[in-house]
Amino acid sequence: MSALTENGEHRDDRDGEGVPPGGGLTTGEVARRLGVAPTTVRTWDRRYGLGPDGHTGGRHRRWTAGDVARLERMCALTATGLPPAEAARLARGEGPPTVVPARGAAVEPRRPPSRSRAGSGLRLGDVRQECKGIARAALRLDAAALERLLLAAIAEHGLVTAWTEVIVPTLQAVGRKWETSGERYVEVEHFLSWHVSGALRRTTPDTVADRPGSTTVLACVPGENHTLALEVLSAALVQRGVPVRMFGGALPVESLIAAVRRTGPAAVGLWAQSRTTASRPLAQHVAGMEWGVRGARRKPVVLTLGPGWAGRAVAGSVRPTGLAEAVAVLESVVTR
């Protein structure tokens, strides 16, 4: 699912470590190394030209150290909120290089000199026209206009596209505004987030009835209170008829484990906005939980969601790069 804000971190400069010098890695091995689904690697190959440079005999493609390094760069760029197409262009080495910030610095992709400010001082960049109206309404604290514009964007584009291409860019612009204004405009971000949450509730159908073995549990990890992106994922799944149990922010460890045991979900999504809250041991523990009768026990598919998990592959888990991929993974899991 796309991040709202993200702290940069220097990468370990060992691009080729673990990649055999001969035949290279299979697509499945590359996916596990990156912490993404194999379908993601194939999609990036087919859609953005990020496949292996060389070809070997047989049906299966092999990825060299250079190929994997390019995909690692793709993961790092998309984790900052950069659209996949733009991230792929940079990962392929096209266009100006992206500056790697010092640890703790806010990541902001380099943008063209010409920027849309929506008449408000917000740097919106090359975005859909709807972003400008939403930004102006948020800055004016105009509740009626903001609600109308959000509902219209969701109705016109659908929830996934509206979130990815309209709401997230606006939230990012507001976040940059208060970060560079000495904590001013915080009320605008809270105001906008509240109305986005309200728009989700108004456009989402009733809760889907539970189906044994088909439930998805969604929760923020302990210490994490950023729930909005998880609310969007929940709404998108409900729209597609997927049963969801949403537990919101900062769910204690004991409560998370109890919820998983009581519901026996097909999948568990764990959101972490910050690296300080993303807990690999917790995700691994949940991924190893079992239930059911002897001889037919099941384990959940664990999705590590949010920018806090960037660069933190968890064995037995999947880390989607955005909302659309998270929805696709969860839909495939519950229909098995």
C-alpha atoms as a PDB file:
ATOM      1  CA  MET A   1       0.000   0.000   0.000  1.00  0.00           C
ATOM      2  CA  SER A   2       1.767   3.572  -0.696  1.00  0.00           C
ATOM      3  CA  ALA A   3       3.538   5.480   2.390  1.00  0.00           C
ATOM      4  CA  LEU A   4       2.475   8.904   3.549  1.00  0.00           C
ATOM      5  CA  THR A   5       5.882   9.797   4.971  1.00  0.00           C
ATOM      6  CA  GLU A   6       9.108   7.807   5.207  1.00  0.00           C
ATOM      7  CA  ASN A   7      12.462   8.170   6.958  1.00  0.00           C
ATOM      8  CA  GLY A   8      15.429   7.498   4.704  1.00  0.00           C
ATOM      9  CA  GLU A   9      18.071   4.947   5.528  1.00  0.00           C
ATOM     10  CA  HIS A  10      21.407   4.202   3.889  1.00  0.00           C
ATOM     11  CA  ARG A  11      21.386   0.847   2.169  1.00  0.00           C
ATOM     12  CA  ASP A  12      24.024  -1.810   2.797  1.00  0.00           C
ATOM     13  CA  ASP A  13      26.162  -1.630  -0.332  1.00  0.00           C
ATOM     14  CA  ARG A  14      26.340  -5.399  -0.908  1.00  0.00           C
ATOM     15  CA  ASP A  15      24.145  -5.686  -3.965  1.00  0.00           C
ATOM     16  CA  GLY A  16      25.486  -9.030  -5.090  1.00  0.00           C
ATOM     17  CA  GLU A  17      25.668 -10.776  -1.730  1.00  0.00           C
ATOM     18  CA  GLY A  18      23.968 -14.164  -1.758  1.00  0.00           C
ATOM     19  CA  VAL A  19      23.538 -14.283  -5.535  1.00  0.00           C
ATOM     20  CA  PRO A  20      25.306 -17.278  -7.126  1.00  0.00           C
ATOM     21  CA  PRO A  21      27.896 -16.089  -9.676  1.00  0.00           C
ATOM     22  CA  GLY A  22      26.833 -18.707 -12.206  1.00  0.00           C
ATOM     23  CA  GLY A  23      23.207 -19.382 -12.928  1.00  0.00           C
ATOM     24  CA  GLY A  24      21.711 -16.682 -10.712  1.00  0.00           C
ATOM     25  CA  LEU A  25      18.477 -16.806  -8.708  1.00  0.00           C
ATOM     26  CA  THR A  26      15.017 -18.007  -9.683  1.00  0.00           C
ATOM     27  CA  THR A  27      12.072 -15.599  -9.555  1.00  0.00           C
ATOM     28  CA  GLY A  28      10.840 -17.223  -6.342  1.00  0.00           C
ATOM     29  CA  GLU A  29      14.251 -16.830  -4.696  1.00  0.00           C
ATOM     30  CA  VAL A  30      14.421 -13.185  -5.743  1.00  0.00           C
ATOM     31  CA  ALA A  31      10.933 -12.558  -4.343  1.00  0.00           C
ATOM     32  CA  ARG A  32      11.895 -14.080  -0.986  1.00  0.00           C
ATOM     33  CA  ARG A  33      15.077 -12.024  -0.913  1.00  0.00           C
ATOM     34  CA  LEU A  34      13.134  -8.808  -1.526  1.00  0.00           C
ATOM     35  CA  GLY A  35      10.207  -9.701   0.727  1.00  0.00           C
ATOM     36  CA  VAL A  36       7.609  -9.317  -2.046  1.00  0.00           C
ATOM     37  CA  ALA A  37       5.294 -11.717  -3.869  1.00  0.00           C
ATOM     38  CA  PRO A  38       6.655 -13.538  -6.951  1.00  0.00           C
ATOM     39  CA  THR A  39       3.772 -12.008  -8.914  1.00  0.00           C
ATOM     40  CA  THR A  40       5.210  -8.581  -8.080  1.00  0.00           C
ATOM     41  CA  VAL A  41       8.582  -9.497  -9.579  1.00  0.00           C
ATOM     42  CA  ARG A  42       6.883 -10.822 -12.718  1.00  0.00           C
ATOM     43  CA  THR A  43       4.693  -7.719 -12.990  1.00  0.00           C
ATOM     44  CA  TRP A  44       7.717  -5.430 -12.717  1.00  0.00           C
ATOM     45  CA  ASP A  45       9.398  -7.489 -15.443  1.00  0.00           C
ATOM     46  CA  ARG A  46       6.397  -7.454 -17.788  1.00  0.00           C
ATOM     47  CA  ARG A  47       5.130  -3.930 -17.144  1.00  0.00           C
ATOM     48  CA  TYR A  48       8.284  -1.923 -16.431  1.00  0.00           C
ATOM     49  CA  GLY A  49      11.079  -3.836 -18.154  1.00  0.00           C
ATOM     50  CA  LEU A  50      12.879  -4.807 -14.938  1.00  0.00           C
ATOM     51  CA  GLY A  51      13.531  -8.409 -15.995  1.00  0.00           C
ATOM     52  CA  PRO A  52      16.898 -10.192 -16.194  1.00  0.00           C
ATOM     53  CA  ASP A  53      19.383  -8.745 -18.656  1.00  0.00           C
ATOM     54  CA  GLY A  54      20.571 -12.148 -19.813  1.00  0.00           C
ATOM     55  CA  HIS A  55      18.791 -15.363 -20.727  1.00  0.00           C
ATOM     56  CA  THR A  56      19.667 -18.934 -19.866  1.00  0.00           C
ATOM     57  CA  GLY A  57      18.485 -22.215 -21.302  1.00  0.00           C
ATOM     58  CA  GLY A  58      15.236 -23.784 -20.165  1.00  0.00           C
ATOM     59  CA  ARG A  59      11.906 -22.270 -19.223  1.00  0.00           C
ATOM     60  CA  HIS A  60      12.921 -20.485 -16.024  1.00  0.00           C
ATOM     61  CA  ARG A  61      14.564 -17.085 -16.011  1.00  0.00           C
ATOM     62  CA  ARG A  62      17.612 -16.455 -13.826  1.00  0.00           C
ATOM     63  CA  TRP A  63      18.440 -13.205 -12.034  1.00  0.00           C
ATOM     64  CA  THR A  64      22.033 -12.027 -11.641  1.00  0.00           C
ATOM     65  CA  ALA A  65      23.466  -9.747  -8.956  1.00  0.00           C
ATOM     66  CA  GLY A  66      22.924  -6.717 -11.199  1.00  0.00           C
ATOM     67  CA  ASP A  67      19.314  -7.711 -11.897  1.00  0.00           C
ATOM     68  CA  VAL A  68      18.623  -8.098  -8.162  1.00  0.00           C
ATOM     69  CA  ALA A  69      20.302  -4.771  -7.372  1.00  0.00           C
ATOM     70  CA  ARG A  70      17.936  -3.068  -9.820  1.00  0.00           C
ATOM     71  CA  LEU A  71      14.913  -4.667  -8.123  1.00  0.00           C
ATOM     72  CA  GLU A  72      16.228  -3.677  -4.691  1.00  0.00           C
ATOM     73  CA  ARG A  73      16.407  -0.091  -5.916  1.00  0.00           C
ATOM     74  CA  MET A  74      12.829  -0.422  -7.202  1.00  0.00           C
ATOM     75  CA  CYS A  75      11.700  -1.591  -3.741  1.00  0.00           C
ATOM     76  CA  ALA A  76      13.502   1.263  -2.010  1.00  0.00           C
ATOM     77  CA  LEU A  77      11.999   3.878  -4.340  1.00  0.00           C
ATOM     78  CA  THR A  78       8.413   2.595  -4.143  1.00  0.00           C
ATOM     79  CA  ALA A  79       8.718   2.473  -0.340  1.00  0.00           C
ATOM     80  CA  THR A  80       9.103   6.274  -0.367  1.00  0.00           C
ATOM     81  CA  GLY A  81       5.716   6.635  -2.070  1.00  0.00           C
ATOM     82  CA  LEU A  82       7.093   7.138  -5.593  1.00  0.00           C
ATOM     83  CA  PRO A  83       4.690   5.792  -8.278  1.00  0.00           C
ATOM     84  CA  PRO A  84       5.879   2.414  -9.660  1.00  0.00           C
ATOM     85  CA  ALA A  85       6.364   3.700 -13.213  1.00  0.00           C
ATOM     86  CA  GLU A  86       8.605   6.552 -12.049  1.00  0.00           C
ATOM     87  CA  ALA A  87      10.447   4.276  -9.623  1.00  0.00           C
ATOM     88  CA  ALA A  88      11.098   1.793 -12.428  1.00  0.00           C
ATOM     89  CA  ARG A  89      12.467   4.548 -14.673  1.00  0.00           C
ATOM     90  CA  LEU A  90      14.945   5.544 -11.988  1.00  0.00           C
ATOM     91  CA  ALA A  91      15.772   1.935 -11.135  1.00  0.00           C
ATOM     92  CA  ARG A  92      16.702   1.371 -14.775  1.00  0.00           C
ATOM     93  CA  GLY A  93      19.097   4.297 -14.515  1.00  0.00           C
ATOM     94  CA  GLU A  94      17.095   6.678 -16.694  1.00  0.00           C
ATOM     95  CA  GLY A  95      16.878  10.343 -15.783  1.00  0.00           C
ATOM     96  CA  PRO A  96      18.607  12.217 -12.947  1.00  0.00           C
ATOM     97  CA  PRO A  97      19.698  10.159  -9.944  1.00  0.00           C
ATOM     98  CA  THR A  98      17.683  10.267  -6.752  1.00  0.00           C
ATOM     99  CA  VAL A  99      19.610  11.753  -3.817  1.00  0.00           C
ATOM    100  CA  VAL A 100      19.931   9.272  -0.930  1.00  0.00           C
ATOM    101  CA  PRO A 101      19.196  11.210   2.272  1.00  0.00           C
ATOM    102  CA  ALA A 102      21.012  10.836   5.544  1.00  0.00           C
ATOM    103  CA  ARG A 103      19.432   8.574   8.133  1.00  0.00           C
ATOM    104  CA  GLY A 104      16.484  10.342   9.740  1.00  0.00           C
ATOM    105  CA  ALA A 105      15.967  12.795   6.876  1.00  0.00           C
ATOM    106  CA  ALA A 106      12.581  13.009   5.161  1.00  0.00           C
ATOM    107  CA  VAL A 107      12.541  11.337   1.761  1.00  0.00           C
ATOM    108  CA  GLU A 108      11.143  13.446  -1.031  1.00  0.00           C
ATOM    109  CA  PRO A 109      11.614  12.371  -4.667  1.00  0.00           C
ATOM    110  CA  ARG A 110      13.262  14.965  -6.887  1.00  0.00           C
ATOM    111  CA  ARG A 111      10.595  16.849  -8.825  1.00  0.00           C
ATOM    112  CA  PRO A 112      10.631  19.046 -11.936  1.00  0.00           C
ATOM    113  CA  PRO A 113      11.110  22.805 -11.395  1.00  0.00           C
ATOM    114  CA  SER A 114       7.532  23.494 -12.486  1.00  0.00           C
ATOM    115  CA  ARG A 115       5.260  22.661  -9.571  1.00  0.00           C
ATOM    116  CA  SER A 116       1.596  23.091  -8.933  1.00  0.00           C
ATOM    117  CA  ARG A 117       0.904  24.913  -5.677  1.00  0.00           C
ATOM    118  CA  ALA A 118      -2.887  24.830  -5.858  1.00  0.00           C
ATOM    119  CA  GLY A 119      -2.856  28.527  -4.930  1.00  0.00           C
ATOM    120  CA  SER A 120      -1.894  27.510  -1.401  1.00  0.00           C
ATOM    121  CA  GLY A 121       1.853  27.005  -1.168  1.00  0.00           C
ATOM    122  CA  LEU A 122       1.481  23.222  -1.268  1.00  0.00           C
ATOM    123  CA  ARG A 123       3.961  21.544  -3.604  1.00  0.00           C
ATOM    124  CA  LEU A 124       1.757  19.049  -5.397  1.00  0.00           C
ATOM    125  CA  GLY A 125       3.868  18.294  -8.462  1.00  0.00           C
ATOM    126  CA  ASP A 126       2.399  16.498 -11.471  1.00  0.00           C
ATOM    127  CA  VAL A 127      -0.861  15.184 -10.019  1.00  0.00           C
ATOM    128  CA  ARG A 128      -4.498  14.750 -10.952  1.00  0.00           C
ATOM    129  CA  GLN A 129      -6.573  17.918 -11.015  1.00  0.00           C
ATOM    130  CA  GLU A 130      -8.692  16.691  -8.091  1.00  0.00           C
ATOM    131  CA  CYS A 131      -5.701  16.965  -5.745  1.00  0.00           C
ATOM    132  CA  LYS A 132      -5.683  20.731  -6.101  1.00  0.00           C
ATOM    133  CA  GLY A 133      -9.311  21.175  -5.118  1.00  0.00           C
ATOM    134  CA  ILE A 134      -8.960  18.801  -2.167  1.00  0.00           C
ATOM    135  CA  ALA A 135      -5.818  20.619  -0.997  1.00  0.00           C
ATOM    136  CA  ARG A 136      -7.528  24.007  -1.164  1.00  0.00           C
ATOM    137  CA  ALA A 137     -10.571  22.738   0.746  1.00  0.00           C
ATOM    138  CA  ALA A 138      -8.338  21.171   3.416  1.00  0.00           C
ATOM    139  CA  LEU A 139      -6.320  24.359   3.872  1.00  0.00           C
ATOM    140  CA  ARG A 140      -9.545  26.377   4.233  1.00  0.00           C
ATOM    141  CA  LEU A 141     -10.844  23.775   6.721  1.00  0.00           C
ATOM    142  CA  ASP A 142     -13.938  23.661   4.518  1.00  0.00           C
ATOM    143  CA  ALA A 143     -15.646  20.451   5.682  1.00  0.00           C
ATOM    144  CA  ALA A 144     -18.532  20.496   3.201  1.00  0.00           C
ATOM    145  CA  ALA A 145     -16.324  21.073   0.152  1.00  0.00           C
ATOM    146  CA  LEU A 146     -13.730  18.543   1.280  1.00  0.00           C
ATOM    147  CA  GLU A 147     -16.304  15.816   1.836  1.00  0.00           C
ATOM    148  CA  ARG A 148     -17.929  16.478  -1.547  1.00  0.00           C
ATOM    149  CA  LEU A 149     -14.593  16.363  -3.402  1.00  0.00           C
ATOM    150  CA  LEU A 150     -13.408  13.186  -1.678  1.00  0.00           C
ATOM    151  CA  LEU A 151     -16.654  11.350  -2.385  1.00  0.00           C
ATOM    152  CA  ALA A 152     -16.574  12.508  -6.009  1.00  0.00           C
ATOM    153  CA  ALA A 153     -12.983  11.268  -6.476  1.00  0.00           C
ATOM    154  CA  ILE A 154     -13.818   7.838  -5.040  1.00  0.00           C
ATOM    155  CA  ALA A 155     -16.975   7.572  -7.150  1.00  0.00           C
ATOM    156  CA  GLU A 156     -15.177   8.552 -10.366  1.00  0.00           C
ATOM    157  CA  HIS A 157     -11.935   6.617 -10.037  1.00  0.00           C
ATOM    158  CA  GLY A 158     -12.738   3.799  -7.618  1.00  0.00           C
ATOM    159  CA  LEU A 159     -11.259   3.490  -4.158  1.00  0.00           C
ATOM    160  CA  VAL A 160      -7.842   2.084  -5.069  1.00  0.00           C
ATOM    161  CA  THR A 161      -7.056   4.664  -7.762  1.00  0.00           C
ATOM    162  CA  ALA A 162      -8.549   7.530  -5.744  1.00  0.00           C
ATOM    163  CA  TRP A 163      -6.360   6.619  -2.785  1.00  0.00           C
ATOM    164  CA  THR A 164      -3.175   6.082  -4.810  1.00  0.00           C
ATOM    165  CA  GLU A 165      -3.428   8.969  -7.271  1.00  0.00           C
ATOM    166  CA  VAL A 166      -5.536  11.583  -5.480  1.00  0.00           C
ATOM    167  CA  ILE A 167      -5.589  11.208  -1.698  1.00  0.00           C
ATOM    168  CA  VAL A 168      -2.014  10.060  -1.010  1.00  0.00           C
ATOM    169  CA  PRO A 169      -0.340  12.837  -3.077  1.00  0.00           C
ATOM    170  CA  THR A 170      -2.464  15.414  -1.250  1.00  0.00           C
ATOM    171  CA  LEU A 171      -1.659  13.947   2.167  1.00  0.00           C
ATOM    172  CA  GLN A 172       2.033  13.898   1.268  1.00  0.00           C
ATOM    173  CA  ALA A 173       1.924  17.554   0.218  1.00  0.00           C
ATOM    174  CA  VAL A 174       0.204  18.559   3.457  1.00  0.00           C
ATOM    175  CA  GLY A 175       2.733  16.544   5.450  1.00  0.00           C
ATOM    176  CA  ARG A 176       5.640  18.275   3.713  1.00  0.00           C
ATOM    177  CA  LYS A 177       3.981  21.615   4.381  1.00  0.00           C
ATOM    178  CA  TRP A 178       3.837  21.271   8.156  1.00  0.00           C
ATOM    179  CA  GLU A 179       7.244  19.583   8.348  1.00  0.00           C
ATOM    180  CA  THR A 180       8.819  22.675   6.771  1.00  0.00           C
ATOM    181  CA  SER A 181       6.651  25.248   8.566  1.00  0.00           C
ATOM    182  CA  GLY A 182       7.640  24.750  12.176  1.00  0.00           C
ATOM    183  CA  GLU A 183       4.711  22.460  13.065  1.00  0.00           C
ATOM    184  CA  ARG A 184       2.140  24.767  11.484  1.00  0.00           C
ATOM    185  CA  TYR A 185      -0.645  23.179   9.435  1.00  0.00           C
ATOM    186  CA  VAL A 186      -0.804  20.082  11.646  1.00  0.00           C
ATOM    187  CA  GLU A 187      -4.517  20.795  12.029  1.00  0.00           C
ATOM    188  CA  VAL A 188      -4.871  20.599   8.235  1.00  0.00           C
ATOM    189  CA  GLU A 189      -3.396  17.094   8.104  1.00  0.00           C
ATOM    190  CA  HIS A 190      -5.634  15.921  10.958  1.00  0.00           C
ATOM    191  CA  PHE A 191      -8.651  17.546   9.305  1.00  0.00           C
ATOM    192  CA  LEU A 192      -7.923  15.930   5.935  1.00  0.00           C
ATOM    193  CA  SER A 193      -7.229  12.497   7.452  1.00  0.00           C
ATOM    194  CA  TRP A 194     -10.472  12.601   9.449  1.00  0.00           C
ATOM    195  CA  HIS A 195     -12.540  13.410   6.370  1.00  0.00           C
ATOM    196  CA  VAL A 196     -10.809  10.720   4.303  1.00  0.00           C
ATOM    197  CA  SER A 197     -11.735   8.236   7.017  1.00  0.00           C
ATOM    198  CA  GLY A 198     -15.325   9.495   6.932  1.00  0.00           C
ATOM    199  CA  ALA A 199     -15.481   9.194   3.146  1.00  0.00           C
ATOM    200  CA  LEU A 200     -14.326   5.584   3.412  1.00  0.00           C
ATOM    201  CA  ARG A 201     -17.131   4.768   5.822  1.00  0.00           C
ATOM    202  CA  ARG A 202     -19.714   6.417   3.575  1.00  0.00           C
ATOM    203  CA  THR A 203     -18.604   4.580   0.434  1.00  0.00           C
ATOM    204  CA  THR A 204     -18.028   1.128   1.953  1.00  0.00           C
ATOM    205  CA  PRO A 205     -20.861  -1.427   2.009  1.00  0.00           C
ATOM    206  CA  ASP A 206     -21.911  -3.295   5.119  1.00  0.00           C
ATOM    207  CA  THR A 207     -19.458  -5.660   6.772  1.00  0.00           C
ATOM    208  CA  VAL A 208     -19.073  -8.917   4.850  1.00  0.00           C
ATOM    209  CA  ALA A 209     -20.314 -12.023   6.669  1.00  0.00           C
ATOM    210  CA  ASP A 210     -17.556 -14.310   7.875  1.00  0.00           C
ATOM    211  CA  ARG A 211     -16.665 -17.409   5.886  1.00  0.00           C
ATOM    212  CA  PRO A 212     -14.625 -20.067   7.697  1.00  0.00           C
ATOM    213  CA  GLY A 213     -11.007 -19.892   6.602  1.00  0.00           C
ATOM    214  CA  SER A 214     -11.531 -16.734   4.535  1.00  0.00           C
ATOM    215  CA  THR A 215     -11.196 -13.950   7.087  1.00  0.00           C
ATOM    216  CA  THR A 216      -8.454 -11.314   6.952  1.00  0.00           C
ATOM    217  CA  VAL A 217      -7.241  -9.762  10.214  1.00  0.00           C
ATOM    218  CA  LEU A 218      -5.867  -6.209   9.925  1.00  0.00           C
ATOM    219  CA  ALA A 219      -4.088  -4.444  12.785  1.00  0.00           C
ATOM    220  CA  CYS A 220      -1.405  -1.889  13.524  1.00  0.00           C
ATOM    221  CA  VAL A 221       1.554  -3.301  15.433  1.00  0.00           C
ATOM    222  CA  PRO A 222       2.025  -2.243  19.079  1.00  0.00           C
ATOM    223  CA  GLY A 223       3.037   1.399  19.366  1.00  0.00           C
ATOM    224  CA  GLU A 224       1.657   2.269  15.902  1.00  0.00           C
ATOM    225  CA  ASN A 225      -1.362   4.553  15.667  1.00  0.00           C
ATOM    226  CA  HIS A 226      -1.360   5.472  11.953  1.00  0.00           C
ATOM    227  CA  THR A 227      -4.490   3.632  10.848  1.00  0.00           C
ATOM    228  CA  LEU A 228      -5.655   5.468   7.724  1.00  0.00           C
ATOM    229  CA  ALA A 229      -3.929   3.307   5.097  1.00  0.00           C
ATOM    230  CA  LEU A 230      -5.171   0.201   6.903  1.00  0.00           C
ATOM    231  CA  GLU A 231      -8.712   1.626   6.859  1.00  0.00           C
ATOM    232  CA  VAL A 232      -8.421   2.048   3.088  1.00  0.00           C
ATOM    233  CA  LEU A 233      -7.273  -1.553   2.664  1.00  0.00           C
ATOM    234  CA  SER A 234     -10.153  -2.768   4.835  1.00  0.00           C
ATOM    235  CA  ALA A 235     -12.663  -0.778   2.777  1.00  0.00           C
ATOM    236  CA  ALA A 236     -11.227  -2.058  -0.524  1.00  0.00           C
ATOM    237  CA  LEU A 237     -11.470  -5.663   0.673  1.00  0.00           C
ATOM    238  CA  VAL A 238     -15.043  -5.247   1.895  1.00  0.00           C
ATOM    239  CA  GLN A 239     -15.990  -3.801  -1.496  1.00  0.00           C
ATOM    240  CA  ARG A 240     -14.701  -7.037  -3.028  1.00  0.00           C
ATOM    241  CA  GLY A 241     -16.646  -9.270  -0.640  1.00  0.00           C
ATOM    242  CA  VAL A 242     -13.648 -10.283   1.486  1.00  0.00           C
ATOM    243  CA  PRO A 243     -14.449 -10.746   5.209  1.00  0.00           C
ATOM    244  CA  VAL A 244     -12.294  -8.440   7.349  1.00  0.00           C
ATOM    245  CA  ARG A 245     -11.697  -8.104  11.065  1.00  0.00           C
ATOM    246  CA  MET A 246     -10.217  -4.648  11.614  1.00  0.00           C
ATOM    247  CA  PHE A 247      -8.523  -3.938  14.953  1.00  0.00           C
ATOM    248  CA  GLY A 248      -7.102  -0.474  14.283  1.00  0.00           C
ATOM    249  CA  GLY A 249      -4.186   1.166  16.046  1.00  0.00           C
ATOM    250  CA  ALA A 250      -1.571  -0.125  18.493  1.00  0.00           C
ATOM    251  CA  LEU A 251      -3.029  -3.574  19.143  1.00  0.00           C
ATOM    252  CA  PRO A 252      -1.109  -5.167  22.052  1.00  0.00           C
ATOM    253  CA  VAL A 253       0.808  -8.347  21.282  1.00  0.00           C
ATOM    254  CA  GLU A 254      -1.355 -10.543  23.521  1.00  0.00           C
ATOM    255  CA  SER A 255      -4.526  -9.154  21.960  1.00  0.00           C
ATOM    256  CA  LEU A 256      -3.248  -9.685  18.423  1.00  0.00           C
ATOM    257  CA  ILE A 257      -2.365 -13.292  19.140  1.00  0.00           C
ATOM    258  CA  ALA A 258      -5.744 -13.862  20.816  1.00  0.00           C
ATOM    259  CA  ALA A 259      -7.552 -12.352  17.808  1.00  0.00           C
ATOM    260  CA  VAL A 260      -5.660 -14.597  15.387  1.00  0.00           C
ATOM    261  CA  ARG A 261      -6.384 -17.710  17.436  1.00  0.00           C
ATOM    262  CA  ARG A 262     -10.082 -16.862  17.803  1.00  0.00           C
ATOM    263  CA  THR A 263     -10.707 -16.059  14.134  1.00  0.00           C
ATOM    264  CA  GLY A 264      -8.372 -18.550  12.384  1.00  0.00           C
ATOM    265  CA  PRO A 265      -7.768 -16.088   9.521  1.00  0.00           C
ATOM    266  CA  ALA A 266      -6.507 -16.894   6.051  1.00  0.00           C
ATOM    267  CA  ALA A 267      -4.307 -13.787   6.225  1.00  0.00           C
ATOM    268  CA  VAL A 268      -3.043 -11.234   8.730  1.00  0.00           C
ATOM    269  CA  GLY A 269      -1.991  -7.720   7.686  1.00  0.00           C
ATOM    270  CA  LEU A 270       0.354  -5.902  10.093  1.00  0.00           C
ATOM    271  CA  TRP A 271       0.819  -2.163   9.519  1.00  0.00           C
ATOM    272  CA  ALA A 272       3.931  -0.276  10.659  1.00  0.00           C
ATOM    273  CA  GLN A 273       4.446   3.340   9.613  1.00  0.00           C
ATOM    274  CA  SER A 274       7.787   3.627  11.408  1.00  0.00           C
ATOM    275  CA  ARG A 275      10.855   1.411  11.498  1.00  0.00           C
ATOM    276  CA  THR A 276      10.832   1.736  15.290  1.00  0.00           C
ATOM    277  CA  THR A 277       7.474  -0.064  15.533  1.00  0.00           C
ATOM    278  CA  ALA A 278       8.009  -2.761  12.874  1.00  0.00           C
ATOM    279  CA  SER A 279       8.761  -5.947  14.812  1.00  0.00           C
ATOM    280  CA  ARG A 280      10.197  -8.830  12.804  1.00  0.00           C
ATOM    281  CA  PRO A 281       9.884 -11.308  15.721  1.00  0.00           C
ATOM    282  CA  LEU A 282       6.180 -10.485  16.071  1.00  0.00           C
ATOM    283  CA  ALA A 283       5.512 -11.002  12.341  1.00  0.00           C
ATOM    284  CA  GLN A 284       7.449 -14.276  12.388  1.00  0.00           C
ATOM    285  CA  HIS A 285       5.508 -15.472  15.427  1.00  0.00           C
ATOM    286  CA  VAL A 286       2.160 -14.755  13.780  1.00  0.00           C
ATOM    287  CA  ALA A 287       3.310 -16.430  10.540  1.00  0.00           C
ATOM    288  CA  GLY A 288       4.134 -19.573  12.542  1.00  0.00           C
ATOM    289  CA  MET A 289       0.804 -19.815  14.379  1.00  0.00           C
ATOM    290  CA  GLU A 290      -1.320 -22.894  13.591  1.00  0.00           C
ATOM    291  CA  TRP A 291      -4.897 -23.955  14.208  1.00  0.00           C
ATOM    292  CA  GLY A 292      -7.329 -26.638  13.093  1.00  0.00           C
ATOM    293  CA  VAL A 293      -7.531 -30.389  13.602  1.00  0.00           C
ATOM    294  CA  ARG A 294      -4.436 -32.550  13.636  1.00  0.00           C
ATOM    295  CA  GLY A 295      -3.361 -33.436  10.120  1.00  0.00           C
ATOM    296  CA  ALA A 296      -5.136 -30.422   8.597  1.00  0.00           C
ATOM    297  CA  ARG A 297      -3.585 -27.510  10.442  1.00  0.00           C
ATOM    298  CA  ARG A 298      -3.363 -24.106   8.791  1.00  0.00           C
ATOM    299  CA  LYS A 299      -1.165 -21.048   9.101  1.00  0.00           C
ATOM    300  CA  PRO A 300      -2.043 -17.493   8.058  1.00  0.00           C
ATOM    301  CA  VAL A 301      -0.375 -15.649   5.211  1.00  0.00           C
ATOM    302  CA  VAL A 302       1.226 -12.620   6.892  1.00  0.00           C
ATOM    303  CA  LEU A 303       1.457  -9.321   5.010  1.00  0.00           C
ATOM    304  CA  THR A 304       3.899  -6.744   6.390  1.00  0.00           C
ATOM    305  CA  LEU A 305       2.326  -3.441   5.378  1.00  0.00           C
ATOM    306  CA  GLY A 306       3.626   0.114   5.511  1.00  0.00           C
ATOM    307  CA  PRO A 307       6.964   1.922   5.153  1.00  0.00           C
ATOM    308  CA  GLY A 308       8.190   0.711   8.545  1.00  0.00           C
ATOM    309  CA  TRP A 309       8.887  -2.715   7.012  1.00  0.00           C
ATOM    310  CA  ALA A 310      11.026  -1.366   4.161  1.00  0.00           C
ATOM    311  CA  GLY A 311      14.237  -3.372   3.939  1.00  0.00           C
ATOM    312  CA  ARG A 312      13.050  -5.794   6.618  1.00  0.00           C
ATOM    313  CA  ALA A 313      12.179  -9.053   4.921  1.00  0.00           C
ATOM    314  CA  VAL A 314      10.337 -11.422   7.245  1.00  0.00           C
ATOM    315  CA  ALA A 315      10.523 -15.142   6.564  1.00  0.00           C
ATOM    316  CA  GLY A 316       7.125 -16.571   5.687  1.00  0.00           C
ATOM    317  CA  SER A 317       5.577 -13.186   4.943  1.00  0.00           C
ATOM    318  CA  VAL A 318       4.716 -11.067   1.906  1.00  0.00           C
ATOM    319  CA  ARG A 319       5.374  -7.321   1.656  1.00  0.00           C
ATOM    320  CA  PRO A 320       3.126  -5.725  -0.996  1.00  0.00           C
ATOM    321  CA  THR A 321       4.409  -2.486  -2.485  1.00  0.00           C
ATOM    322  CA  GLY A 322       1.065  -0.709  -2.594  1.00  0.00           C
ATOM    323  CA  LEU A 323      -2.665  -0.883  -2.039  1.00  0.00           C
ATOM    324  CA  ALA A 324      -3.498  -2.561  -5.357  1.00  0.00           C
ATOM    325  CA  GLU A 325      -0.994  -5.357  -4.774  1.00  0.00           C
ATOM    326  CA  ALA A 326      -2.131  -5.872  -1.164  1.00  0.00           C
ATOM    327  CA  VAL A 327      -5.731  -6.252  -2.336  1.00  0.00           C
ATOM    328  CA  ALA A 328      -4.706  -8.687  -5.085  1.00  0.00           C
ATOM    329  CA  VAL A 329      -2.655 -10.828  -2.688  1.00  0.00           C
ATOM    330  CA  LEU A 330      -5.449 -11.001  -0.112  1.00  0.00           C
ATOM    331  CA  GLU A 331      -8.088 -11.789  -2.732  1.00  0.00           C
ATOM    332  CA  SER A 332      -5.967 -14.666  -4.010  1.00  0.00           C
ATOM    333  CA  VAL A 333      -5.404 -15.989  -0.486  1.00  0.00           C
ATOM    334  CA  VAL A 334      -9.053 -16.079   0.538  1.00  0.00           C
ATOM    335  CA  THR A 335     -10.160 -17.751  -2.709  1.00  0.00           C
ATOM    336  CA  ARG A 336      -7.713 -20.672  -2.486  1.00  0.00           C
END
